[in-house]
Amino acid sequence: MALQGNLRDFTITQLLNLINLANKSGALLIEGSREKAKAIFIEGRLVSAQLGDDDGSLPMVLHSAKKITDGQLRTLQTRASGMSDKELGLLLINAGYVTKQDILESLQAHFSSIINQLFTWVEGQFRFDTEQGLSEDKIPVRIPLENLIMEGSRQLRELEQLQLEIPDLDVALSFTDRPGVNLKKVNLNVEEWRVVSYISPKNTIRQIGKATRMNDLQIRRIIYGLLQAGLVRLVRPDGAPTQLQGLESSIPGDDRDEQKGLVNRLIERIRSI
């Protein structure tokens, strides 16, 4: 009989601890409030993970890890679509595109990132199926769970602190001053610029998180940084629409030329990163 239950009663940390200590083999299937996830374990070690409809194919993983270029990804998607990950990995190694270490490190980082996201899930049903294993065409990796559990626990503590600072995701944001005045002096990373592009009293933090495909921890972390920097402030949502407004309409400002100029600077800044 498969182990099953609710994340309210059995957390991701507890599940991974059980799998680790009991050296369990099988698939952990989770249906959260918004997405589904699947993680496969062999003798207590993580060997694969998938989140939602995420394309966990080897070309996409290598591209995300910047091991192959956009052109190489397109070529592999059109000419090697019928190959298994094992066959494709061997082909790429023999052709000198990547090394075996590149492949293993990219897969490990990809799977670990998915598990790290699961630690923030507090709602949903789970089931551990010992009958499911890793497909023969997949490249096996063996990731110890101890470090993942420690990192997950750290993230949970951080999330709890951020929930105290930003208790409600259904509030909106606005810039504290006319944007664009000191824009060149603002040093933000790509993810922060993506969030900034949606800031408007019409868009709630929850909507921005959904539009940028960030989980609660990720969006709270960025918003908290923007609040601490004095760039934005929390405001009541101004009749938040069901669809997020486009980039231009998300930027406040009475003058349309001013809005357009700021949008162009934002786009150029993002492209230059």
Protein backbone atom coordinates (compact mmCIF):
# COMPACT_ATOMS: atom_id res chain seq x y z
CA MET A 1 0.00 0.00 0.00
CA ALA A 2 1.38 3.41 -0.99
CA LEU A 3 2.12 6.05 1.65
CA GLN A 4 -0.27 8.95 1.13
CA GLY A 5 -1.63 11.96 2.96
CA ASN A 6 -1.90 15.74 3.15
CA LEU A 7 0.98 18.21 3.31
CA ARG A 8 -0.76 19.92 6.22
CA ASP A 9 -0.10 16.81 8.31
CA PHE A 10 3.16 15.60 6.77
CA THR A 11 5.58 18.23 5.45
CA ILE A 12 8.04 17.88 2.58
CA THR A 13 10.87 17.90 5.12
CA GLN A 14 9.32 14.98 6.99
CA LEU A 15 8.71 13.08 3.77
CA LEU A 16 12.31 13.47 2.62
CA ASN A 17 13.59 12.51 6.05
CA LEU A 18 11.54 9.32 5.92
CA ILE A 19 12.73 8.48 2.40
CA ASN A 20 16.32 9.19 3.42
CA LEU A 21 16.38 7.26 6.70
CA ALA A 22 14.46 4.28 5.32
CA ASN A 23 16.45 4.19 2.03
CA LYS A 24 13.15 4.15 0.15
CA SER A 25 12.85 3.62 -3.59
CA GLY A 26 9.87 4.87 -5.58
CA ALA A 27 8.09 8.00 -6.80
CA LEU A 28 6.79 10.82 -4.63
CA LEU A 29 3.75 12.32 -6.36
CA ILE A 30 2.46 15.66 -5.09
CA GLU A 31 -0.60 17.58 -6.23
CA GLY A 32 -0.32 21.09 -4.85
CA SER A 33 -2.83 23.92 -4.92
CA ARG A 34 -1.46 25.20 -8.24
CA GLU A 35 0.93 22.61 -9.68
CA LYS A 36 1.89 18.97 -9.61
CA ALA A 37 5.32 17.55 -8.90
CA LYS A 38 7.03 14.19 -9.16
CA ALA A 39 10.31 13.06 -7.63
CA ILE A 40 11.91 9.64 -8.03
CA PHE A 41 14.22 8.08 -5.47
CA ILE A 42 16.48 5.02 -5.46
CA GLU A 43 17.63 3.74 -2.08
CA GLY A 44 17.00 7.07 -0.39
CA ARG A 45 18.66 9.24 -3.03
CA LEU A 46 17.05 11.63 -5.49
CA VAL A 47 17.47 10.53 -9.11
CA SER A 48 14.87 12.64 -10.94
CA ALA A 49 12.34 15.44 -10.38
CA GLN A 50 9.70 17.17 -12.47
CA LEU A 51 7.51 20.18 -11.75
CA GLY A 52 4.20 20.68 -13.56
CA ASP A 53 4.51 20.63 -17.34
CA ASP A 54 8.19 21.48 -17.13
CA ASP A 55 10.17 19.99 -20.00
CA GLY A 56 12.80 18.01 -18.13
CA SER A 57 14.44 16.79 -21.31
CA LEU A 58 18.23 16.78 -21.40
CA PRO A 59 18.51 19.55 -24.07
CA MET A 60 16.31 21.92 -22.02
CA VAL A 61 18.25 21.16 -18.82
CA LEU A 62 21.60 21.77 -20.54
CA HIS A 63 20.31 24.96 -22.12
CA SER A 64 19.05 26.28 -18.77
CA ALA A 65 22.47 25.52 -17.30
CA LYS A 66 24.08 27.45 -20.21
CA LYS A 67 25.95 24.37 -21.38
CA ILE A 68 24.55 24.61 -24.91
CA THR A 69 23.55 27.61 -27.02
CA ASP A 70 20.14 28.62 -28.36
CA GLY A 71 21.11 27.36 -31.79
CA GLN A 72 22.29 24.01 -30.45
CA LEU A 73 19.04 23.64 -28.51
CA ARG A 74 16.95 24.26 -31.64
CA THR A 75 19.05 21.77 -33.61
CA LEU A 76 18.65 19.08 -30.95
CA GLN A 77 14.91 19.69 -30.67
CA THR A 78 14.40 19.23 -34.42
CA ARG A 79 16.99 16.58 -35.30
CA ALA A 80 17.24 14.49 -32.14
CA SER A 81 13.68 14.58 -30.85
CA GLY A 82 13.36 10.80 -31.01
CA MET A 83 16.53 10.04 -29.06
CA SER A 84 16.54 9.05 -25.40
CA ASP A 85 18.46 11.15 -22.87
CA LYS A 86 21.12 8.42 -22.61
CA GLU A 87 21.60 8.28 -26.39
CA LEU A 88 21.62 12.05 -26.69
CA GLY A 89 24.04 12.48 -23.81
CA LEU A 90 26.49 10.04 -25.40
CA LEU A 91 26.15 11.82 -28.75
CA LEU A 92 26.86 15.23 -27.20
CA ILE A 93 29.89 13.91 -25.30
CA ASN A 94 31.36 12.21 -28.37
CA ALA A 95 30.78 15.36 -30.44
CA GLY A 96 32.62 17.44 -27.85
CA TYR A 97 29.69 19.74 -27.07
CA VAL A 98 29.62 18.87 -23.35
CA THR A 99 31.41 16.60 -20.91
CA LYS A 100 29.96 13.85 -18.76
CA GLN A 101 30.52 16.12 -15.76
CA ASP A 102 28.56 18.92 -17.47
CA ILE A 103 25.58 16.61 -17.91
CA LEU A 104 25.62 15.22 -14.39
CA GLU A 105 26.07 18.63 -12.73
CA SER A 106 23.29 20.18 -14.85
CA LEU A 107 20.84 17.39 -14.00
CA GLN A 108 21.73 17.52 -10.30
CA ALA A 109 21.24 21.30 -10.17
CA HIS A 110 17.92 21.05 -12.06
CA PHE A 111 16.48 18.32 -9.83
CA SER A 112 17.73 19.99 -6.64
CA SER A 113 16.12 23.28 -7.68
CA ILE A 114 12.76 21.58 -8.09
CA ILE A 115 12.98 19.94 -4.65
CA ASN A 116 13.94 23.28 -3.10
CA GLN A 117 10.73 24.79 -4.48
CA LEU A 118 8.65 22.01 -2.93
CA PHE A 119 9.68 23.02 0.60
CA THR A 120 7.42 26.07 0.33
CA TRP A 121 4.38 23.92 -0.47
CA VAL A 122 2.07 23.67 2.54
CA GLU A 123 -1.12 22.64 0.75
CA GLY A 124 -1.77 19.54 -1.33
CA GLN A 125 -2.00 15.78 -1.44
CA PHE A 126 0.96 13.42 -1.70
CA ARG A 127 1.44 9.76 -2.48
CA PHE A 128 4.60 7.64 -2.42
CA ASP A 129 4.42 4.81 -4.93
CA THR A 130 7.07 2.11 -4.55
CA GLU A 131 6.05 0.58 -7.89
CA GLN A 132 7.27 3.55 -9.94
CA GLY A 133 10.93 3.92 -10.81
CA LEU A 134 13.24 5.74 -13.18
CA SER A 135 12.66 5.17 -16.89
CA GLU A 136 15.43 3.21 -18.62
CA ASP A 137 16.04 6.00 -21.12
CA LYS A 138 16.87 8.56 -18.41
CA ILE A 139 20.36 9.34 -17.14
CA PRO A 140 20.58 8.30 -13.48
CA VAL A 141 22.04 10.66 -10.91
CA ARG A 142 22.29 9.99 -7.19
CA ILE A 143 21.75 13.08 -5.03
CA PRO A 144 22.03 12.64 -1.24
CA LEU A 145 19.06 14.12 0.60
CA GLU A 146 20.85 15.44 3.68
CA ASN A 147 21.99 18.72 2.07
CA LEU A 148 18.64 19.20 0.36
CA ILE A 149 16.83 18.80 3.67
CA MET A 150 19.16 21.30 5.37
CA GLU A 151 18.66 23.85 2.57
CA GLY A 152 14.91 23.28 2.65
CA SER A 153 14.79 23.89 6.39
CA ARG A 154 16.73 27.13 5.90
CA GLN A 155 14.26 28.24 3.23
CA LEU A 156 11.32 27.50 5.52
CA ARG A 157 12.80 29.69 8.24
CA GLU A 158 13.37 32.45 5.70
CA LEU A 159 9.80 32.12 4.41
CA GLU A 160 8.40 32.35 7.94
CA GLN A 161 10.34 35.57 8.50
CA LEU A 162 9.25 37.03 5.17
CA GLN A 163 5.62 36.14 5.95
CA LEU A 164 5.90 38.35 9.02
CA GLU A 165 7.28 41.20 6.91
CA ILE A 166 4.82 40.69 4.02
CA PRO A 167 1.84 38.80 5.48
CA ASP A 168 -0.52 39.39 2.55
CA LEU A 169 0.24 38.67 -1.12
CA ASP A 170 -3.08 40.16 -2.23
CA VAL A 171 -1.79 43.72 -1.85
CA ALA A 172 -0.32 45.80 -4.64
CA LEU A 173 2.80 47.90 -5.04
CA SER A 174 3.61 51.35 -6.32
CA PHE A 175 6.87 53.18 -6.84
CA THR A 176 7.80 55.53 -4.01
CA ASP A 177 8.87 58.27 -6.42
CA ARG A 178 8.66 59.09 -10.10
CA PRO A 179 10.45 56.10 -11.68
CA GLY A 180 13.33 56.72 -14.03
CA VAL A 181 14.99 59.51 -12.08
CA ASN A 182 17.78 57.33 -10.68
CA LEU A 183 17.10 54.24 -12.77
CA LYS A 184 20.66 54.01 -14.08
CA LYS A 185 21.95 53.83 -10.53
CA VAL A 186 19.67 50.94 -9.59
CA ASN A 187 21.54 47.63 -9.70
CA LEU A 188 18.93 44.87 -10.05
CA ASN A 189 19.29 41.34 -11.38
CA VAL A 190 17.17 39.89 -14.19
CA GLU A 191 14.51 38.42 -11.87
CA GLU A 192 14.15 41.73 -10.01
CA TRP A 193 13.75 43.65 -13.28
CA ARG A 194 11.02 41.22 -14.34
CA VAL A 195 9.13 41.97 -11.12
CA VAL A 196 9.70 45.71 -11.48
CA SER A 197 8.17 45.64 -14.97
CA TYR A 198 4.81 44.54 -13.48
CA ILE A 199 4.67 46.92 -10.52
CA SER A 200 1.40 48.82 -10.56
CA PRO A 201 -1.45 49.48 -8.08
CA LYS A 202 -3.53 47.27 -10.40
CA ASN A 203 -1.33 44.20 -9.95
CA THR A 204 -1.18 42.30 -6.67
CA ILE A 205 1.99 40.61 -5.47
CA ARG A 206 0.30 37.24 -5.98
CA GLN A 207 -0.48 38.11 -9.61
CA ILE A 208 3.08 39.29 -10.20
CA GLY A 209 4.40 36.03 -8.74
CA LYS A 210 2.16 34.03 -11.05
CA ALA A 211 3.11 36.09 -14.11
CA THR A 212 6.83 35.68 -13.41
CA ARG A 213 6.44 32.00 -12.42
CA MET A 214 7.88 32.56 -8.94
CA ASN A 215 6.83 30.70 -5.81
CA ASP A 216 5.84 32.47 -2.59
CA LEU A 217 9.39 32.51 -1.21
CA GLN A 218 10.93 33.88 -4.40
CA ILE A 219 8.42 36.70 -4.87
CA ARG A 220 8.43 37.65 -1.18
CA ARG A 221 12.24 37.73 -1.20
CA ILE A 222 12.38 40.13 -4.16
CA ILE A 223 9.55 42.35 -2.92
CA TYR A 224 11.17 42.55 0.52
CA GLY A 225 14.44 43.67 -1.09
CA LEU A 226 12.65 46.35 -3.12
CA LEU A 227 10.83 47.55 0.01
CA GLN A 228 14.07 47.68 2.01
CA ALA A 229 15.72 49.65 -0.79
CA GLY A 230 12.88 52.18 -0.65
CA LEU A 231 11.99 51.68 -4.31
CA VAL A 232 8.39 50.56 -3.74
CA ARG A 233 5.64 50.70 -1.14
CA LEU A 234 2.63 48.51 -0.36
CA VAL A 235 -0.75 49.86 -1.45
CA ARG A 236 -4.31 48.62 -1.65
CA PRO A 237 -4.98 46.96 -5.03
CA ASP A 238 -6.83 49.27 -7.39
CA GLY A 239 -9.47 46.86 -8.70
CA ALA A 240 -6.90 44.24 -9.69
CA PRO A 241 -7.85 42.73 -13.07
CA THR A 242 -7.95 39.03 -13.83
CA GLN A 243 -5.18 39.52 -16.36
CA LEU A 244 -1.98 41.39 -15.58
CA GLN A 245 -1.57 44.63 -17.46
CA GLY A 246 1.15 44.88 -20.09
CA LEU A 247 4.53 46.38 -19.33
CA GLU A 248 3.70 49.89 -20.51
CA SER A 249 0.43 50.16 -18.61
CA SER A 250 2.13 48.84 -15.47
CA ILE A 251 4.37 51.91 -15.25
CA PRO A 252 2.84 54.92 -13.52
CA GLY A 253 3.29 58.40 -14.91
CA ASP A 254 1.04 61.10 -16.30
CA ASP A 255 3.07 61.76 -19.41
CA ARG A 256 2.91 59.04 -22.09
CA ASP A 257 6.36 59.93 -23.43
CA GLU A 258 7.74 59.55 -19.92
CA GLN A 259 6.15 56.12 -19.64
CA LYS A 260 7.48 55.07 -23.03
CA GLY A 261 10.98 56.29 -22.19
CA LEU A 262 11.04 54.35 -18.95
CA VAL A 263 9.77 51.21 -20.67
CA ASN A 264 12.53 51.46 -23.27
CA ARG A 265 15.17 51.93 -20.58
CA LEU A 266 13.83 48.92 -18.70
CA ILE A 267 13.95 46.77 -21.80
CA GLU A 268 17.48 47.90 -22.69
CA ARG A 269 18.61 47.26 -19.10
CA ILE A 270 17.19 43.73 -19.16
CA ARG A 271 18.81 42.97 -22.53
CA SER A 272 22.18 44.19 -21.30
CA ILE A 273 22.28 41.87 -18.28
